[in-house]
Each structure stands twice: as structure tokens, then as C-alpha cells.
N, C-alpha and C. Protein backbone atom coordinates (compact mmCIF):
# COMPACT_ATOMS: atom_id res chain seq x y z
N MET A 1 8.07 2.29 19.35
CA MET A 1 8.11 2.76 17.97
C MET A 1 6.86 2.28 17.23
N LYS A 2 6.32 3.15 16.42
CA LYS A 2 5.11 2.86 15.69
C LYS A 2 5.38 1.86 14.55
N ASN A 3 4.48 0.92 14.37
CA ASN A 3 4.60 -0.03 13.26
C ASN A 3 3.80 0.52 12.09
N TRP A 4 4.48 1.31 11.25
CA TRP A 4 3.80 1.98 10.14
C TRP A 4 3.23 0.99 9.13
N LEU A 5 3.93 -0.08 8.87
CA LEU A 5 3.45 -1.06 7.91
C LEU A 5 2.13 -1.65 8.38
N LYS A 6 2.05 -1.98 9.65
CA LYS A 6 0.81 -2.53 10.21
C LYS A 6 -0.29 -1.47 10.20
N GLN A 7 0.06 -0.23 10.55
CA GLN A 7 -0.94 0.83 10.60
C GLN A 7 -1.58 1.06 9.24
N TYR A 8 -0.78 1.14 8.19
CA TYR A 8 -1.30 1.48 6.87
C TYR A 8 -1.74 0.28 6.04
N PHE A 9 -1.12 -0.88 6.27
CA PHE A 9 -1.42 -2.05 5.45
C PHE A 9 -1.70 -3.30 6.26
N GLY A 10 -2.08 -3.14 7.52
CA GLY A 10 -2.34 -4.29 8.39
C GLY A 10 -3.47 -5.17 7.88
N TRP A 11 -4.35 -4.62 7.08
CA TRP A 11 -5.48 -5.35 6.54
C TRP A 11 -5.09 -6.12 5.27
N LEU A 12 -3.90 -5.87 4.75
CA LEU A 12 -3.42 -6.54 3.54
C LEU A 12 -2.48 -7.67 3.95
N ASN A 13 -2.71 -8.87 3.42
CA ASN A 13 -1.87 -10.01 3.75
C ASN A 13 -0.59 -9.95 2.91
N LEU A 14 0.47 -9.41 3.50
CA LEU A 14 1.72 -9.23 2.76
C LEU A 14 2.49 -10.53 2.55
N LYS A 15 1.97 -11.63 3.06
CA LYS A 15 2.59 -12.93 2.82
C LYS A 15 1.92 -13.67 1.67
N ASP A 16 0.81 -13.13 1.21
CA ASP A 16 0.06 -13.71 0.10
C ASP A 16 0.48 -13.02 -1.20
N GLU A 17 1.21 -13.74 -2.06
CA GLU A 17 1.75 -13.15 -3.29
C GLU A 17 0.67 -12.53 -4.18
N LYS A 18 -0.48 -13.21 -4.28
CA LYS A 18 -1.56 -12.69 -5.13
C LYS A 18 -2.13 -11.40 -4.56
N GLU A 19 -2.28 -11.33 -3.25
CA GLU A 19 -2.82 -10.13 -2.61
C GLU A 19 -1.81 -8.97 -2.73
N VAL A 20 -0.54 -9.27 -2.57
CA VAL A 20 0.50 -8.25 -2.72
C VAL A 20 0.50 -7.73 -4.16
N GLU A 21 0.44 -8.62 -5.12
CA GLU A 21 0.42 -8.21 -6.53
C GLU A 21 -0.82 -7.37 -6.82
N TRP A 22 -1.97 -7.77 -6.27
CA TRP A 22 -3.20 -6.99 -6.44
C TRP A 22 -3.00 -5.58 -5.87
N GLY A 23 -2.43 -5.48 -4.67
CA GLY A 23 -2.22 -4.19 -4.04
C GLY A 23 -1.28 -3.29 -4.83
N ILE A 24 -0.20 -3.87 -5.32
CA ILE A 24 0.74 -3.11 -6.14
C ILE A 24 0.06 -2.62 -7.41
N ASN A 25 -0.67 -3.51 -8.06
CA ASN A 25 -1.39 -3.12 -9.28
C ASN A 25 -2.41 -2.02 -9.00
N TYR A 26 -3.14 -2.17 -7.91
CA TYR A 26 -4.16 -1.17 -7.55
C TYR A 26 -3.51 0.20 -7.42
N LEU A 27 -2.41 0.27 -6.69
CA LEU A 27 -1.76 1.56 -6.45
C LEU A 27 -1.09 2.11 -7.71
N THR A 28 -0.36 1.27 -8.43
CA THR A 28 0.36 1.78 -9.60
C THR A 28 -0.60 2.20 -10.72
N GLU A 29 -1.73 1.53 -10.83
CA GLU A 29 -2.73 1.94 -11.83
C GLU A 29 -3.31 3.31 -11.51
N ARG A 30 -3.15 3.74 -10.26
CA ARG A 30 -3.62 5.06 -9.84
C ARG A 30 -2.47 6.04 -9.66
N GLY A 31 -1.30 5.67 -10.17
CA GLY A 31 -0.15 6.55 -10.16
C GLY A 31 0.57 6.67 -8.82
N VAL A 32 0.37 5.69 -7.94
CA VAL A 32 1.02 5.71 -6.63
C VAL A 32 2.22 4.78 -6.65
N TYR A 33 3.39 5.38 -6.47
CA TYR A 33 4.65 4.64 -6.44
C TYR A 33 5.49 5.17 -5.28
N PRO A 34 6.33 4.34 -4.69
CA PRO A 34 7.25 4.86 -3.67
C PRO A 34 8.22 5.84 -4.31
N SER A 35 8.65 6.85 -3.56
CA SER A 35 9.61 7.80 -4.11
C SER A 35 10.99 7.16 -4.27
N SER A 36 11.25 6.10 -3.51
CA SER A 36 12.49 5.34 -3.66
C SER A 36 12.25 4.20 -4.65
N TRP A 37 13.26 3.93 -5.46
CA TRP A 37 13.14 2.88 -6.47
C TRP A 37 13.01 1.50 -5.81
N VAL A 38 12.06 0.71 -6.31
CA VAL A 38 11.84 -0.66 -5.83
C VAL A 38 12.02 -1.58 -7.02
N ASN A 39 12.96 -2.51 -6.92
CA ASN A 39 13.23 -3.43 -8.03
C ASN A 39 12.22 -4.56 -8.13
N ASP A 40 11.78 -5.07 -6.99
CA ASP A 40 10.93 -6.25 -6.98
C ASP A 40 9.47 -5.88 -6.75
N ARG A 41 8.60 -6.67 -7.35
CA ARG A 41 7.17 -6.49 -7.12
C ARG A 41 6.76 -7.44 -5.99
N ASP A 42 7.17 -7.06 -4.80
CA ASP A 42 6.83 -7.85 -3.63
C ASP A 42 6.48 -6.91 -2.49
N ALA A 43 6.42 -7.40 -1.28
CA ALA A 43 6.01 -6.59 -0.14
C ALA A 43 6.94 -5.42 0.13
N SER A 44 8.15 -5.43 -0.42
CA SER A 44 9.06 -4.30 -0.22
C SER A 44 8.48 -3.02 -0.82
N PHE A 45 7.64 -3.15 -1.84
CA PHE A 45 6.95 -1.99 -2.42
C PHE A 45 6.25 -1.20 -1.33
N PHE A 46 5.53 -1.90 -0.45
CA PHE A 46 4.78 -1.24 0.62
C PHE A 46 5.70 -0.67 1.69
N ARG A 47 6.80 -1.36 1.97
CA ARG A 47 7.76 -0.86 2.95
C ARG A 47 8.37 0.47 2.49
N TYR A 48 8.69 0.56 1.22
CA TYR A 48 9.25 1.81 0.69
C TYR A 48 8.19 2.90 0.62
N LEU A 49 6.96 2.53 0.36
CA LEU A 49 5.87 3.51 0.26
C LEU A 49 5.52 4.12 1.62
N ILE A 50 5.80 3.41 2.70
CA ILE A 50 5.49 3.88 4.05
C ILE A 50 6.11 5.26 4.31
N VAL A 51 7.31 5.49 3.85
CA VAL A 51 7.98 6.77 4.07
C VAL A 51 7.15 7.91 3.47
N ASP A 52 6.64 7.70 2.27
CA ASP A 52 5.83 8.71 1.60
C ASP A 52 4.49 8.91 2.30
N ILE A 53 3.87 7.82 2.72
CA ILE A 53 2.59 7.91 3.40
C ILE A 53 2.73 8.65 4.72
N ALA A 54 3.75 8.31 5.48
CA ALA A 54 3.97 8.95 6.77
C ALA A 54 4.18 10.46 6.61
N ALA A 55 4.78 10.87 5.50
CA ALA A 55 5.02 12.29 5.25
C ALA A 55 3.76 13.03 4.81
N ASP A 56 2.76 12.31 4.30
CA ASP A 56 1.53 12.93 3.80
C ASP A 56 0.34 12.02 4.06
N GLU A 57 0.07 11.75 5.33
CA GLU A 57 -1.01 10.83 5.68
C GLU A 57 -2.36 11.26 5.11
N LYS A 58 -2.67 12.54 5.20
CA LYS A 58 -3.97 13.03 4.71
C LYS A 58 -4.10 12.87 3.20
N GLY A 59 -3.01 13.03 2.50
CA GLY A 59 -3.03 12.88 1.05
C GLY A 59 -3.24 11.44 0.60
N TYR A 60 -2.69 10.51 1.37
CA TYR A 60 -2.81 9.10 1.01
C TYR A 60 -4.06 8.42 1.58
N ALA A 61 -4.65 9.00 2.61
CA ALA A 61 -5.78 8.36 3.29
C ALA A 61 -6.92 7.97 2.33
N PRO A 62 -7.35 8.84 1.43
CA PRO A 62 -8.47 8.46 0.54
C PRO A 62 -8.15 7.25 -0.34
N ILE A 63 -6.96 7.21 -0.93
CA ILE A 63 -6.62 6.10 -1.82
C ILE A 63 -6.48 4.80 -1.04
N LEU A 64 -5.92 4.87 0.17
CA LEU A 64 -5.79 3.66 0.98
C LEU A 64 -7.15 3.14 1.43
N GLU A 65 -8.06 4.05 1.75
CA GLU A 65 -9.40 3.64 2.15
C GLU A 65 -10.15 3.01 0.97
N LYS A 66 -10.02 3.60 -0.22
CA LYS A 66 -10.65 3.03 -1.42
C LYS A 66 -10.05 1.66 -1.73
N MET A 67 -8.74 1.54 -1.56
CA MET A 67 -8.06 0.27 -1.81
C MET A 67 -8.58 -0.81 -0.87
N LYS A 68 -8.72 -0.46 0.39
CA LYS A 68 -9.23 -1.41 1.39
C LYS A 68 -10.66 -1.83 1.04
N ARG A 69 -11.50 -0.88 0.67
CA ARG A 69 -12.89 -1.20 0.30
C ARG A 69 -12.93 -2.07 -0.95
N ALA A 70 -12.05 -1.79 -1.91
CA ALA A 70 -12.01 -2.58 -3.14
C ALA A 70 -11.62 -4.01 -2.86
N LEU A 71 -10.67 -4.21 -1.95
CA LEU A 71 -10.22 -5.56 -1.61
C LEU A 71 -11.34 -6.36 -0.95
N PHE A 72 -12.08 -5.71 -0.07
CA PHE A 72 -13.11 -6.42 0.67
C PHE A 72 -14.49 -6.29 0.07
N GLY A 73 -14.59 -5.65 -1.09
CA GLY A 73 -15.86 -5.57 -1.80
C GLY A 73 -16.88 -4.63 -1.19
N ASP A 74 -16.42 -3.64 -0.47
CA ASP A 74 -17.32 -2.67 0.15
C ASP A 74 -17.40 -1.40 -0.67
N ASN A 75 -17.61 -1.52 -1.97
CA ASN A 75 -17.66 -0.34 -2.82
C ASN A 75 -18.92 0.35 -2.64
């Protein structure tokens, strides 16, 4: 079975609260939210978002690539 979380967010340290918060802020500021309601601002946000990404990989690819570059300073 494919590890979707690792595939899409393997470069993001989901155990680091500050990095997770940064990632959530990055996505939500760009209008990206999981289609399922997420109560907590923690790594579960990304787990719920995986369903949406898997359904539209091409649509999410640009934002995820920009997010990765922003995190690592490769703008």
C-alpha cells in the first residue's frame, strides 16, 4: 500500500509543531483546506488533506511544490 502522507509531505517534519503550524498556515492562507472537517491544528490536517490530494494530484502539485520551496528557501 502506498504511503500517501510520506509521498506528499515526506519533506515536512510532522513531529515538529512549529513546522506543522507553518505548513497549515501556508496552505490555509492560499485557501487549501481538507474537505473533511479537522478540529485540531496538528498533523491530522495533512492526513485529512491526503484524500483530496490523491483525488487531484495535478491540481495540488504546484502548491505543494511552492510550499516545499518556501520551506527550504528555494524561491
